[in-house]
Amino acid sequence: MVNPVVGFARADRALSYLHGTGRYADRSQYRLPAVVVTAFGIDNPDGPRILDAVRTSIPLRKTPVVAIGTLADEDEVHEAHRLGATAYLARPLACRAIVQVITSLNMPWSVSETGS
């Protein structure tokens, strides 16, 4: 079984995927994620919305969430963790770290453009 890496440019589509609504309602085709990675910034409402969707959903509640911010600002890191992020990564180190996190899950995975 392969765990696809599905990316979304828009938060509303990511939220539909996480909730299994609309075009993502078929869970046999659009499985629950093993890990969620989201952009994060105190001034950007999308990251907190994604975190809230994961942490308030019973099937997703224990899913690891990696928040990626633009800088390692202490307030931003604290806010991400307060909202339920498992980890906070500042760019530009985030890309390498994400691959390490996904690899450490010891699950097969692939990259997909399905969610765009």
PDB file of N, CA and C in Angstrom:
ATOM      1  N   MET A   1       0.857  -1.190   0.000  1.00  0.00           N
ATOM      2  CA  MET A   1       0.000   0.000   0.000  1.00  0.00           C
ATOM      3  C   MET A   1       0.892   1.238   0.000  1.00  0.00           C
ATOM      4  N   VAL A   2       0.582   2.188  -0.845  1.00  0.00           N
ATOM      5  CA  VAL A   2       1.338   3.423  -0.952  1.00  0.00           C
ATOM      6  C   VAL A   2       0.538   4.554  -0.317  1.00  0.00           C
ATOM      7  N   ASN A   3       1.221   5.383   0.445  1.00  0.00           N
ATOM      8  CA  ASN A   3       0.604   6.560   1.051  1.00  0.00           C
ATOM      9  C   ASN A   3       0.935   7.761   0.189  1.00  0.00           C
ATOM     10  N   PRO A   4      -0.040   8.285  -0.547  1.00  0.00           N
ATOM     11  CA  PRO A   4       0.255   9.394  -1.445  1.00  0.00           C
ATOM     12  C   PRO A   4       0.527  10.683  -0.684  1.00  0.00           C
ATOM     13  N   VAL A   5       1.395  11.500  -1.256  1.00  0.00           N
ATOM     14  CA  VAL A   5       1.631  12.844  -0.742  1.00  0.00           C
ATOM     15  C   VAL A   5       0.798  13.756  -1.625  1.00  0.00           C
ATOM     16  N   VAL A   6      -0.245  14.331  -1.047  1.00  0.00           N
ATOM     17  CA  VAL A   6      -1.186  15.137  -1.811  1.00  0.00           C
ATOM     18  C   VAL A   6      -1.037  16.586  -1.374  1.00  0.00           C
ATOM     19  N   GLY A   7      -0.818  17.477  -2.329  1.00  0.00           N
ATOM     20  CA  GLY A   7      -0.640  18.884  -2.017  1.00  0.00           C
ATOM     21  C   GLY A   7      -1.825  19.724  -2.452  1.00  0.00           C
ATOM     22  N   PHE A   8      -2.056  20.790  -1.713  1.00  0.00           N
ATOM     23  CA  PHE A   8      -3.155  21.709  -2.018  1.00  0.00           C
ATOM     24  C   PHE A   8      -2.639  23.139  -1.992  1.00  0.00           C
ATOM     25  N   ALA A   9      -2.990  23.912  -2.996  1.00  0.00           N
ATOM     26  CA  ALA A   9      -2.628  25.321  -3.028  1.00  0.00           C
ATOM     27  C   ALA A   9      -3.656  26.167  -2.275  1.00  0.00           C
ATOM     28  N   ARG A  10      -4.850  25.607  -2.088  1.00  0.00           N
ATOM     29  CA  ARG A  10      -5.932  26.355  -1.438  1.00  0.00           C
ATOM     30  C   ARG A  10      -6.380  25.631  -0.176  1.00  0.00           C
ATOM     31  N   ALA A  11      -6.532  26.380   0.902  1.00  0.00           N
ATOM     32  CA  ALA A  11      -6.934  25.806   2.190  1.00  0.00           C
ATOM     33  C   ALA A  11      -8.321  25.171   2.123  1.00  0.00           C
ATOM     34  N   ASP A  12      -9.243  25.750   1.355  1.00  0.00           N
ATOM     35  CA  ASP A  12     -10.593  25.182   1.303  1.00  0.00           C
ATOM     36  C   ASP A  12     -10.586  23.771   0.723  1.00  0.00           C
ATOM     37  N   ARG A  13      -9.714  23.515  -0.251  1.00  0.00           N
ATOM     38  CA  ARG A  13      -9.620  22.162  -0.807  1.00  0.00           C
ATOM     39  C   ARG A  13      -8.949  21.211   0.173  1.00  0.00           C
ATOM     40  N   ALA A  14      -7.944  21.693   0.876  1.00  0.00           N
ATOM     41  CA  ALA A  14      -7.292  20.862   1.892  1.00  0.00           C
ATOM     42  C   ALA A  14      -8.295  20.487   2.985  1.00  0.00           C
ATOM     43  N   LEU A  15      -9.118  21.445   3.385  1.00  0.00           N
ATOM     44  CA  LEU A  15     -10.125  21.178   4.417  1.00  0.00           C
ATOM     45  C   LEU A  15     -11.171  20.185   3.919  1.00  0.00           C
ATOM     46  N   SER A  16     -11.577  20.297   2.665  1.00  0.00           N
ATOM     47  CA  SER A  16     -12.521  19.322   2.096  1.00  0.00           C
ATOM     48  C   SER A  16     -11.918  17.926   2.106  1.00  0.00           C
ATOM     49  N   TYR A  17     -10.641  17.833   1.765  1.00  0.00           N
ATOM     50  CA  TYR A  17      -9.960  16.537   1.782  1.00  0.00           C
ATOM     51  C   TYR A  17      -9.920  15.978   3.203  1.00  0.00           C
ATOM     52  N   LEU A  18      -9.509  16.799   4.155  1.00  0.00           N
ATOM     53  CA  LEU A  18      -9.411  16.343   5.545  1.00  0.00           C
ATOM     54  C   LEU A  18     -10.760  15.902   6.108  1.00  0.00           C
ATOM     55  N   HIS A  19     -11.820  16.622   5.758  1.00  0.00           N
ATOM     56  CA  HIS A  19     -13.164  16.296   6.251  1.00  0.00           C
ATOM     57  C   HIS A  19     -13.848  15.212   5.418  1.00  0.00           C
ATOM     58  N   GLY A  20     -13.273  14.898   4.248  1.00  0.00           N
ATOM     59  CA  GLY A  20     -13.884  13.893   3.378  1.00  0.00           C
ATOM     60  C   GLY A  20     -15.198  14.367   2.797  1.00  0.00           C
ATOM     61  N   THR A  21     -15.227  15.621   2.349  1.00  0.00           N
ATOM     62  CA  THR A  21     -16.449  16.180   1.780  1.00  0.00           C
ATOM     63  C   THR A  21     -16.245  16.526   0.304  1.00  0.00           C
ATOM     64  N   GLY A  22     -17.357  16.769  -0.377  1.00  0.00           N
ATOM     65  CA  GLY A  22     -17.297  17.159  -1.782  1.00  0.00           C
ATOM     66  C   GLY A  22     -16.639  16.083  -2.622  1.00  0.00           C
ATOM     67  N   ARG A  23     -15.748  16.479  -3.474  1.00  0.00           N
ATOM     68  CA  ARG A  23     -15.094  15.526  -4.380  1.00  0.00           C
ATOM     69  C   ARG A  23     -14.193  14.539  -3.650  1.00  0.00           C
ATOM     70  N   TYR A  24     -13.912  14.774  -2.366  1.00  0.00           N
ATOM     71  CA  TYR A  24     -13.043  13.898  -1.579  1.00  0.00           C
ATOM     72  C   TYR A  24     -13.824  12.986  -0.634  1.00  0.00           C
ATOM     73  N   ALA A  25     -15.112  12.807  -0.877  1.00  0.00           N
ATOM     74  CA  ALA A  25     -15.963  12.020   0.019  1.00  0.00           C
ATOM     75  C   ALA A  25     -15.668  10.520  -0.024  1.00  0.00           C
ATOM     76  N   ASP A  26     -15.124  10.039  -1.109  1.00  0.00           N
ATOM     77  CA  ASP A  26     -14.846   8.604  -1.246  1.00  0.00           C
ATOM     78  C   ASP A  26     -13.522   8.270  -0.563  1.00  0.00           C
ATOM     79  N   ARG A  27     -13.598   7.776   0.686  1.00  0.00           N
ATOM     80  CA  ARG A  27     -12.394   7.470   1.460  1.00  0.00           C
ATOM     81  C   ARG A  27     -11.622   6.273   0.913  1.00  0.00           C
ATOM     82  N   SER A  28     -12.242   5.466   0.053  1.00  0.00           N
ATOM     83  CA  SER A  28     -11.471   4.378  -0.561  1.00  0.00           C
ATOM     84  C   SER A  28     -10.496   4.954  -1.594  1.00  0.00           C
ATOM     85  N   GLN A  29     -10.837   6.110  -2.146  1.00  0.00           N
ATOM     86  CA  GLN A  29      -9.965   6.777  -3.106  1.00  0.00           C
ATOM     87  C   GLN A  29      -9.113   7.853  -2.434  1.00  0.00           C
ATOM     88  N   TYR A  30      -9.666   8.569  -1.462  1.00  0.00           N
ATOM     89  CA  TYR A  30      -8.977   9.661  -0.776  1.00  0.00           C
ATOM     90  C   TYR A  30      -8.851   9.307   0.710  1.00  0.00           C
ATOM     91  N   ARG A  31      -7.823   8.508   1.006  1.00  0.00           N
ATOM     92  CA  ARG A  31      -7.622   8.023   2.367  1.00  0.00           C
ATOM     93  C   ARG A  31      -7.221   9.133   3.323  1.00  0.00           C
ATOM     94  N   LEU A  32      -7.435   8.876   4.614  1.00  0.00           N
ATOM     95  CA  LEU A  32      -6.983   9.805   5.640  1.00  0.00           C
ATOM     96  C   LEU A  32      -5.463   9.908   5.587  1.00  0.00           C
ATOM     97  N   PRO A  33      -4.922  11.093   5.822  1.00  0.00           N
ATOM     98  CA  PRO A  33      -3.472  11.252   5.746  1.00  0.00           C
ATOM     99  C   PRO A  33      -2.753  10.601   6.929  1.00  0.00           C
ATOM    100  N   ALA A  34      -1.518  10.160   6.684  1.00  0.00           N
ATOM    101  CA  ALA A  34      -0.666   9.637   7.749  1.00  0.00           C
ATOM    102  C   ALA A  34       0.023  10.784   8.469  1.00  0.00           C
ATOM    103  N   VAL A  35       0.204  11.895   7.774  1.00  0.00           N
ATOM    104  CA  VAL A  35       0.807  13.102   8.334  1.00  0.00           C
ATOM    105  C   VAL A  35       0.254  14.292   7.556  1.00  0.00           C
ATOM    106  N   VAL A  36       0.102  15.424   8.225  1.00  0.00           N
ATOM    107  CA  VAL A  36      -0.368  16.654   7.576  1.00  0.00           C
ATOM    108  C   VAL A  36       0.744  17.691   7.681  1.00  0.00           C
ATOM    109  N   VAL A  37       1.053  18.333   6.579  1.00  0.00           N
ATOM    110  CA  VAL A  37       2.044  19.407   6.534  1.00  0.00           C
ATOM    111  C   VAL A  37       1.318  20.652   6.066  1.00  0.00           C
ATOM    112  N   THR A  38       1.451  21.751   6.822  1.00  0.00           N
ATOM    113  CA  THR A  38       0.746  22.981   6.457  1.00  0.00           C
ATOM    114  C   THR A  38       1.636  24.203   6.640  1.00  0.00           C
ATOM    115  N   ALA A  39       1.429  25.181   5.766  1.00  0.00           N
ATOM    116  CA  ALA A  39       2.085  26.467   5.948  1.00  0.00           C
ATOM    117  C   ALA A  39       1.501  27.090   7.208  1.00  0.00           C
ATOM    118  N   PHE A  40       2.310  27.861   7.914  1.00  0.00           N
ATOM    119  CA  PHE A  40       1.833  28.450   9.157  1.00  0.00           C
ATOM    120  C   PHE A  40       2.425  29.833   9.326  1.00  0.00           C
ATOM    121  N   GLY A  41       1.595  30.726   9.825  1.00  0.00           N
ATOM    122  CA  GLY A  41       2.028  32.070  10.180  1.00  0.00           C
ATOM    123  C   GLY A  41       0.938  32.703  11.016  1.00  0.00           C
ATOM    124  N   ILE A  42       1.324  33.431  12.020  1.00  0.00           N
ATOM    125  CA  ILE A  42       0.339  34.047  12.907  1.00  0.00           C
ATOM    126  C   ILE A  42      -0.615  34.942  12.116  1.00  0.00           C
ATOM    127  N   ASP A  43      -0.100  35.606  11.079  1.00  0.00           N
ATOM    128  CA  ASP A  43      -0.934  36.491  10.262  1.00  0.00           C
ATOM    129  C   ASP A  43      -1.634  35.762   9.114  1.00  0.00           C
ATOM    130  N   ASN A  44      -1.433  34.455   8.997  1.00  0.00           N
ATOM    131  CA  ASN A  44      -2.033  33.662   7.929  1.00  0.00           C
ATOM    132  C   ASN A  44      -3.058  32.719   8.555  1.00  0.00           C
ATOM    133  N   PRO A  45      -4.343  32.900   8.275  1.00  0.00           N
ATOM    134  CA  PRO A  45      -5.373  32.083   8.926  1.00  0.00           C
ATOM    135  C   PRO A  45      -5.450  30.635   8.448  1.00  0.00           C
ATOM    136  N   ASP A  46      -4.822  30.298   7.317  1.00  0.00           N
ATOM    137  CA  ASP A  46      -4.957  28.951   6.774  1.00  0.00           C
ATOM    138  C   ASP A  46      -4.315  27.879   7.648  1.00  0.00           C
ATOM    139  N   GLY A  47      -3.115  28.115   8.133  1.00  0.00           N
ATOM    140  CA  GLY A  47      -2.441  27.132   8.986  1.00  0.00           C
ATOM    141  C   GLY A  47      -3.248  26.812  10.239  1.00  0.00           C
ATOM    142  N   PRO A  48      -3.683  27.818  10.990  1.00  0.00           N
ATOM    143  CA  PRO A  48      -4.526  27.537  12.153  1.00  0.00           C
ATOM    144  C   PRO A  48      -5.836  26.835  11.791  1.00  0.00           C
ATOM    145  N   ARG A  49      -6.426  27.145  10.639  1.00  0.00           N
ATOM    146  CA  ARG A  49      -7.659  26.455  10.212  1.00  0.00           C
ATOM    147  C   ARG A  49      -7.398  24.975   9.957  1.00  0.00           C
ATOM    148  N   ILE A  50      -6.268  24.674   9.334  1.00  0.00           N
ATOM    149  CA  ILE A  50      -5.906  23.277   9.068  1.00  0.00           C
ATOM    150  C   ILE A  50      -5.668  22.554  10.395  1.00  0.00           C
ATOM    151  N   LEU A  51      -4.912  23.173  11.290  1.00  0.00           N
ATOM    152  CA  LEU A  51      -4.660  22.563  12.599  1.00  0.00           C
ATOM    153  C   LEU A  51      -5.954  22.299  13.346  1.00  0.00           C
ATOM    154  N   ASP A  52      -6.850  23.252  13.320  1.00  0.00           N
ATOM    155  CA  ASP A  52      -8.136  23.084  14.003  1.00  0.00           C
ATOM    156  C   ASP A  52      -8.931  21.926  13.398  1.00  0.00           C
ATOM    157  N   ALA A  53      -8.915  21.816  12.074  1.00  0.00           N
ATOM    158  CA  ALA A  53      -9.648  20.741  11.399  1.00  0.00           C
ATOM    159  C   ALA A  53      -9.107  19.375  11.814  1.00  0.00           C
ATOM    160  N   VAL A  54      -7.798  19.263  11.941  1.00  0.00           N
ATOM    161  CA  VAL A  54      -7.199  17.987  12.328  1.00  0.00           C
ATOM    162  C   VAL A  54      -7.475  17.683  13.795  1.00  0.00           C
ATOM    163  N   ARG A  55      -7.267  18.643  14.650  1.00  0.00           N
ATOM    164  CA  ARG A  55      -7.374  18.403  16.096  1.00  0.00           C
ATOM    165  C   ARG A  55      -8.812  18.236  16.585  1.00  0.00           C
ATOM    166  N   THR A  56      -9.793  18.725  15.827  1.00  0.00           N
ATOM    167  CA  THR A  56     -11.191  18.576  16.245  1.00  0.00           C
ATOM    168  C   THR A  56     -11.898  17.419  15.546  1.00  0.00           C
ATOM    169  N   SER A  57     -11.191  16.709  14.677  1.00  0.00           N
ATOM    170  CA  SER A  57     -11.766  15.568  13.968  1.00  0.00           C
ATOM    171  C   SER A  57     -11.321  14.280  14.662  1.00  0.00           C
ATOM    172  N   ILE A  58     -12.281  13.489  15.115  1.00  0.00           N
ATOM    173  CA  ILE A  58     -11.934  12.252  15.822  1.00  0.00           C
ATOM    174  C   ILE A  58     -11.031  11.341  14.987  1.00  0.00           C
ATOM    175  N   PRO A  59     -11.323  11.099  13.699  1.00  0.00           N
ATOM    176  CA  PRO A  59     -10.436  10.202  12.942  1.00  0.00           C
ATOM    177  C   PRO A  59      -9.032  10.775  12.710  1.00  0.00           C
ATOM    178  N   LEU A  60      -8.889  12.100  12.758  1.00  0.00           N
ATOM    179  CA  LEU A  60      -7.596  12.739  12.471  1.00  0.00           C
ATOM    180  C   LEU A  60      -6.844  13.192  13.716  1.00  0.00           C
ATOM    181  N   ARG A  61      -7.489  13.195  14.836  1.00  0.00           N
ATOM    182  CA  ARG A  61      -6.974  13.827  16.056  1.00  0.00           C
ATOM    183  C   ARG A  61      -5.523  13.464  16.388  1.00  0.00           C
ATOM    184  N   LYS A  62      -5.121  12.216  16.165  1.00  0.00           N
ATOM    185  CA  LYS A  62      -3.764  11.778  16.514  1.00  0.00           C
ATOM    186  C   LYS A  62      -2.784  11.866  15.335  1.00  0.00           C
ATOM    187  N   THR A  63      -3.233  12.405  14.223  1.00  0.00           N
ATOM    188  CA  THR A  63      -2.377  12.549  13.044  1.00  0.00           C
ATOM    189  C   THR A  63      -1.308  13.602  13.304  1.00  0.00           C
ATOM    190  N   PRO A  64      -0.037  13.276  13.047  1.00  0.00           N
ATOM    191  CA  PRO A  64       1.011  14.288  13.223  1.00  0.00           C
ATOM    192  C   PRO A  64       0.804  15.451  12.253  1.00  0.00           C
ATOM    193  N   VAL A  65       1.000  16.672  12.751  1.00  0.00           N
ATOM    194  CA  VAL A  65       0.887  17.873  11.920  1.00  0.00           C
ATOM    195  C   VAL A  65       2.196  18.643  11.999  1.00  0.00           C
ATOM    196  N   VAL A  66       2.793  18.898  10.840  1.00  0.00           N
ATOM    197  CA  VAL A  66       4.020  19.676  10.752  1.00  0.00           C
ATOM    198  C   VAL A  66       3.652  21.050  10.215  1.00  0.00           C
ATOM    199  N   ALA A  67       3.931  22.091  10.996  1.00  0.00           N
ATOM    200  CA  ALA A  67       3.663  23.468  10.589  1.00  0.00           C
ATOM    201  C   ALA A  67       4.964  24.061  10.047  1.00  0.00           C
ATOM    202  N   ILE A  68       4.881  24.696   8.874  1.00  0.00           N
ATOM    203  CA  ILE A  68       6.058  25.311   8.266  1.00  0.00           C
ATOM    204  C   ILE A  68       5.877  26.815   8.255  1.00  0.00           C
ATOM    205  N   GLY A  69       6.778  27.491   8.933  1.00  0.00           N
ATOM    206  CA  GLY A  69       6.715  28.943   9.008  1.00  0.00           C
ATOM    207  C   GLY A  69       7.850  29.592   8.242  1.00  0.00           C
ATOM    208  N   THR A  70       7.753  30.892   8.094  1.00  0.00           N
ATOM    209  CA  THR A  70       8.769  31.615   7.338  1.00  0.00           C
ATOM    210  C   THR A  70      10.003  31.923   8.171  1.00  0.00           C
ATOM    211  N   LEU A  71       9.852  31.908   9.471  1.00  0.00           N
ATOM    212  CA  LEU A  71      10.982  32.203  10.335  1.00  0.00           C
ATOM    213  C   LEU A  71      10.805  31.486  11.664  1.00  0.00           C
ATOM    214  N   ALA A  72      11.874  31.398  12.409  1.00  0.00           N
ATOM    215  CA  ALA A  72      11.825  30.702  13.701  1.00  0.00           C
ATOM    216  C   ALA A  72      11.494  31.697  14.809  1.00  0.00           C
ATOM    217  N   ASP A  73      10.425  32.450  14.634  1.00  0.00           N
ATOM    218  CA  ASP A  73       9.976  33.409  15.628  1.00  0.00           C
ATOM    219  C   ASP A  73       9.386  32.651  16.816  1.00  0.00           C
ATOM    220  N   GLU A  74       9.848  32.947  18.017  1.00  0.00           N
ATOM    221  CA  GLU A  74       9.415  32.220  19.207  1.00  0.00           C
ATOM    222  C   GLU A  74       7.906  32.266  19.414  1.00  0.00           C
ATOM    223  N   ASP A  75       7.281  33.421  19.166  1.00  0.00           N
ATOM    224  CA  ASP A  75       5.827  33.530  19.318  1.00  0.00           C
ATOM    225  C   ASP A  75       5.093  32.648  18.311  1.00  0.00           C
ATOM    226  N   GLU A  76       5.589  32.617  17.080  1.00  0.00           N
ATOM    227  CA  GLU A  76       4.957  31.804  16.053  1.00  0.00           C
ATOM    228  C   GLU A  76       5.097  30.313  16.372  1.00  0.00           C
ATOM    229  N   VAL A  77       6.267  29.908  16.821  1.00  0.00           N
ATOM    230  CA  VAL A  77       6.496  28.504  17.197  1.00  0.00           C
ATOM    231  C   VAL A  77       5.568  28.123  18.351  1.00  0.00           C
ATOM    232  N   HIS A  78       5.486  28.978  19.363  1.00  0.00           N
ATOM    233  CA  HIS A  78       4.626  28.715  20.516  1.00  0.00           C
ATOM    234  C   HIS A  78       3.155  28.596  20.086  1.00  0.00           C
ATOM    235  N   GLU A  79       2.711  29.494  19.215  1.00  0.00           N
ATOM    236  CA  GLU A  79       1.326  29.468  18.755  1.00  0.00           C
ATOM    237  C   GLU A  79       1.028  28.191  17.961  1.00  0.00           C
ATOM    238  N   ALA A  80       1.952  27.773  17.122  1.00  0.00           N
ATOM    239  CA  ALA A  80       1.756  26.539  16.351  1.00  0.00           C
ATOM    240  C   ALA A  80       1.606  25.344  17.295  1.00  0.00           C
ATOM    241  N   HIS A  81       2.451  25.265  18.300  1.00  0.00           N
ATOM    242  CA  HIS A  81       2.361  24.156  19.256  1.00  0.00           C
ATOM    243  C   HIS A  81       1.097  24.256  20.111  1.00  0.00           C
ATOM    244  N   ARG A  82       0.722  25.461  20.493  1.00  0.00           N
ATOM    245  CA  ARG A  82      -0.495  25.649  21.284  1.00  0.00           C
ATOM    246  C   ARG A  82      -1.725  25.168  20.514  1.00  0.00           C
ATOM    247  N   LEU A  83      -1.725  25.379  19.204  1.00  0.00           N
ATOM    248  CA  LEU A  83      -2.850  24.965  18.361  1.00  0.00           C
ATOM    249  C   LEU A  83      -2.814  23.479  18.001  1.00  0.00           C
ATOM    250  N   GLY A  84      -1.739  22.793  18.377  1.00  0.00           N
ATOM    251  CA  GLY A  84      -1.700  21.350  18.165  1.00  0.00           C
ATOM    252  C   GLY A  84      -0.693  20.832  17.161  1.00  0.00           C
ATOM    253  N   ALA A  85       0.212  21.684  16.676  1.00  0.00           N
ATOM    254  CA  ALA A  85       1.235  21.194  15.749  1.00  0.00           C
ATOM    255  C   ALA A  85       2.162  20.228  16.486  1.00  0.00           C
ATOM    256  N   THR A  86       2.499  19.147  15.831  1.00  0.00           N
ATOM    257  CA  THR A  86       3.438  18.179  16.379  1.00  0.00           C
ATOM    258  C   THR A  86       4.853  18.721  16.272  1.00  0.00           C
ATOM    259  N   ALA A  87       5.119  19.437  15.178  1.00  0.00           N
ATOM    260  CA  ALA A  87       6.444  20.001  14.941  1.00  0.00           C
ATOM    261  C   ALA A  87       6.290  21.318  14.192  1.00  0.00           C
ATOM    262  N   TYR A  88       7.264  22.199  14.379  1.00  0.00           N
ATOM    263  CA  TYR A  88       7.316  23.469  13.655  1.00  0.00           C
ATOM    264  C   TYR A  88       8.668  23.520  12.957  1.00  0.00           C
ATOM    265  N   LEU A  89       8.652  23.789  11.670  1.00  0.00           N
ATOM    266  CA  LEU A  89       9.878  23.900  10.900  1.00  0.00           C
ATOM    267  C   LEU A  89       9.922  25.257  10.219  1.00  0.00           C
ATOM    268  N   ALA A  90      11.077  25.916  10.312  1.00  0.00           N
ATOM    269  CA  ALA A  90      11.251  27.193   9.623  1.00  0.00           C
ATOM    270  C   ALA A  90      11.917  26.945   8.280  1.00  0.00           C
ATOM    271  N   ARG A  91      11.481  27.685   7.276  1.00  0.00           N
ATOM    272  CA  ARG A  91      12.128  27.596   5.969  1.00  0.00           C
ATOM    273  C   ARG A  91      13.531  28.162   6.116  1.00  0.00           C
ATOM    274  N   PRO A  92      14.500  27.768   5.379  1.00  0.00           N
ATOM    275  CA  PRO A  92      14.505  26.834   4.258  1.00  0.00           C
ATOM    276  C   PRO A  92      14.798  25.387   4.664  1.00  0.00           C
ATOM    277  N   LEU A  93      15.020  25.114   5.921  1.00  0.00           N
ATOM    278  CA  LEU A  93      15.335  23.754   6.362  1.00  0.00           C
ATOM    279  C   LEU A  93      14.147  22.808   6.245  1.00  0.00           C
ATOM    280  N   ALA A  94      12.964  23.344   6.095  1.00  0.00           N
ATOM    281  CA  ALA A  94      11.740  22.555   6.142  1.00  0.00           C
ATOM    282  C   ALA A  94      11.698  21.437   5.099  1.00  0.00           C
ATOM    283  N   CYS A  95      12.114  21.695   3.881  1.00  0.00           N
ATOM    284  CA  CYS A  95      12.013  20.677   2.818  1.00  0.00           C
ATOM    285  C   CYS A  95      12.797  19.427   3.171  1.00  0.00           C
ATOM    286  N   ARG A  96      14.043  19.593   3.584  1.00  0.00           N
ATOM    287  CA  ARG A  96      14.853  18.423   3.951  1.00  0.00           C
ATOM    288  C   ARG A  96      14.261  17.715   5.159  1.00  0.00           C
ATOM    289  N   ALA A  97      13.807  18.478   6.121  1.00  0.00           N
ATOM    290  CA  ALA A  97      13.252  17.888   7.342  1.00  0.00           C
ATOM    291  C   ALA A  97      11.962  17.116   7.055  1.00  0.00           C
ATOM    292  N   ILE A  98      11.128  17.622   6.159  1.00  0.00           N
ATOM    293  CA  ILE A  98       9.872  16.935   5.829  1.00  0.00           C
ATOM    294  C   ILE A  98      10.165  15.567   5.213  1.00  0.00           C
ATOM    295  N   VAL A  99      11.109  15.522   4.306  1.00  0.00           N
ATOM    296  CA  VAL A  99      11.465  14.239   3.707  1.00  0.00           C
ATOM    297  C   VAL A  99      11.961  13.284   4.791  1.00  0.00           C
ATOM    298  N   GLN A 100      12.750  13.776   5.741  1.00  0.00           N
ATOM    299  CA  GLN A 100      13.226  12.924   6.836  1.00  0.00           C
ATOM    300  C   GLN A 100      12.075  12.426   7.702  1.00  0.00           C
ATOM    301  N   VAL A 101      11.111  13.302   8.000  1.00  0.00           N
ATOM    302  CA  VAL A 101       9.962  12.906   8.819  1.00  0.00           C
ATOM    303  C   VAL A 101       9.147  11.834   8.101  1.00  0.00           C
ATOM    304  N   ILE A 102       8.831  12.065   6.837  1.00  0.00           N
ATOM    305  CA  ILE A 102       8.027  11.100   6.086  1.00  0.00           C
ATOM    306  C   ILE A 102       8.778   9.771   5.970  1.00  0.00           C
ATOM    307  N   THR A 103      10.065   9.835   5.703  1.00  0.00           N
ATOM    308  CA  THR A 103      10.866   8.623   5.596  1.00  0.00           C
ATOM    309  C   THR A 103      10.898   7.866   6.917  1.00  0.00           C
ATOM    310  N   SER A 104      10.953   8.586   8.032  1.00  0.00           N
ATOM    311  CA  SER A 104      11.026   7.934   9.342  1.00  0.00           C
ATOM    312  C   SER A 104       9.739   7.197   9.712  1.00  0.00           C
ATOM    313  N   LEU A 105       8.644   7.484   9.010  1.00  0.00           N
ATOM    314  CA  LEU A 105       7.394   6.783   9.275  1.00  0.00           C
ATOM    315  C   LEU A 105       7.451   5.325   8.811  1.00  0.00           C
ATOM    316  N   ASN A 106       8.489   4.995   8.031  1.00  0.00           N
ATOM    317  CA  ASN A 106       8.674   3.634   7.523  1.00  0.00           C
ATOM    318  C   ASN A 106       7.447   3.111   6.780  1.00  0.00           C
ATOM    319  N   MET A 107       6.841   3.976   5.992  1.00  0.00           N
ATOM    320  CA  MET A 107       5.702   3.592   5.165  1.00  0.00           C
ATOM    321  C   MET A 107       6.024   3.979   3.731  1.00  0.00           C
ATOM    322  N   PRO A 108       5.603   3.165   2.775  1.00  0.00           N
ATOM    323  CA  PRO A 108       5.803   3.575   1.387  1.00  0.00           C
ATOM    324  C   PRO A 108       4.974   4.820   1.081  1.00  0.00           C
ATOM    325  N   TRP A 109       5.472   5.685   0.219  1.00  0.00           N
ATOM    326  CA  TRP A 109       4.741   6.894  -0.129  1.00  0.00           C
ATOM    327  C   TRP A 109       5.072   7.298  -1.554  1.00  0.00           C
ATOM    328  N   SER A 110       4.213   8.130  -2.114  1.00  0.00           N
ATOM    329  CA  SER A 110       4.424   8.649  -3.461  1.00  0.00           C
ATOM    330  C   SER A 110       3.910  10.073  -3.511  1.00  0.00           C
ATOM    331  N   VAL A 111       4.324  10.799  -4.533  1.00  0.00           N
ATOM    332  CA  VAL A 111       3.892  12.184  -4.717  1.00  0.00           C
ATOM    333  C   VAL A 111       2.781  12.195  -5.756  1.00  0.00           C
ATOM    334  N   SER A 112       1.718  12.988  -5.495  1.00  0.00           N
ATOM    335  CA  SER A 112       0.573  13.026  -6.387  1.00  0.00           C
ATOM    336  C   SER A 112       0.121  14.462  -6.595  1.00  0.00           C
ATOM    337  N   GLU A 113      -0.470  14.736  -7.731  1.00  0.00           N
ATOM    338  CA  GLU A 113      -1.036  16.056  -7.998  1.00  0.00           C
ATOM    339  C   GLU A 113      -2.555  16.014  -7.864  1.00  0.00           C
ATOM    340  N   THR A 114      -3.087  14.974  -7.299  1.00  0.00           N
ATOM    341  CA  THR A 114      -4.534  14.768  -7.201  1.00  0.00           C
ATOM    342  C   THR A 114      -5.246  15.925  -6.526  1.00  0.00           C
ATOM    343  N   GLY A 115      -4.665  16.482  -5.464  1.00  0.00           N
ATOM    344  CA  GLY A 115      -5.379  17.462  -4.674  1.00  0.00           C
ATOM    345  C   GLY A 115      -5.326  18.886  -5.152  1.00  0.00           C
ATOM    346  N   SER A 116      -4.580  19.188  -6.184  1.00  0.00           N
ATOM    347  CA  SER A 116      -4.429  20.582  -6.598  1.00  0.00           C
ATOM    348  C   SER A 116      -5.725  21.264  -6.872  1.00  0.00           C
TER     349      SER A 116
END
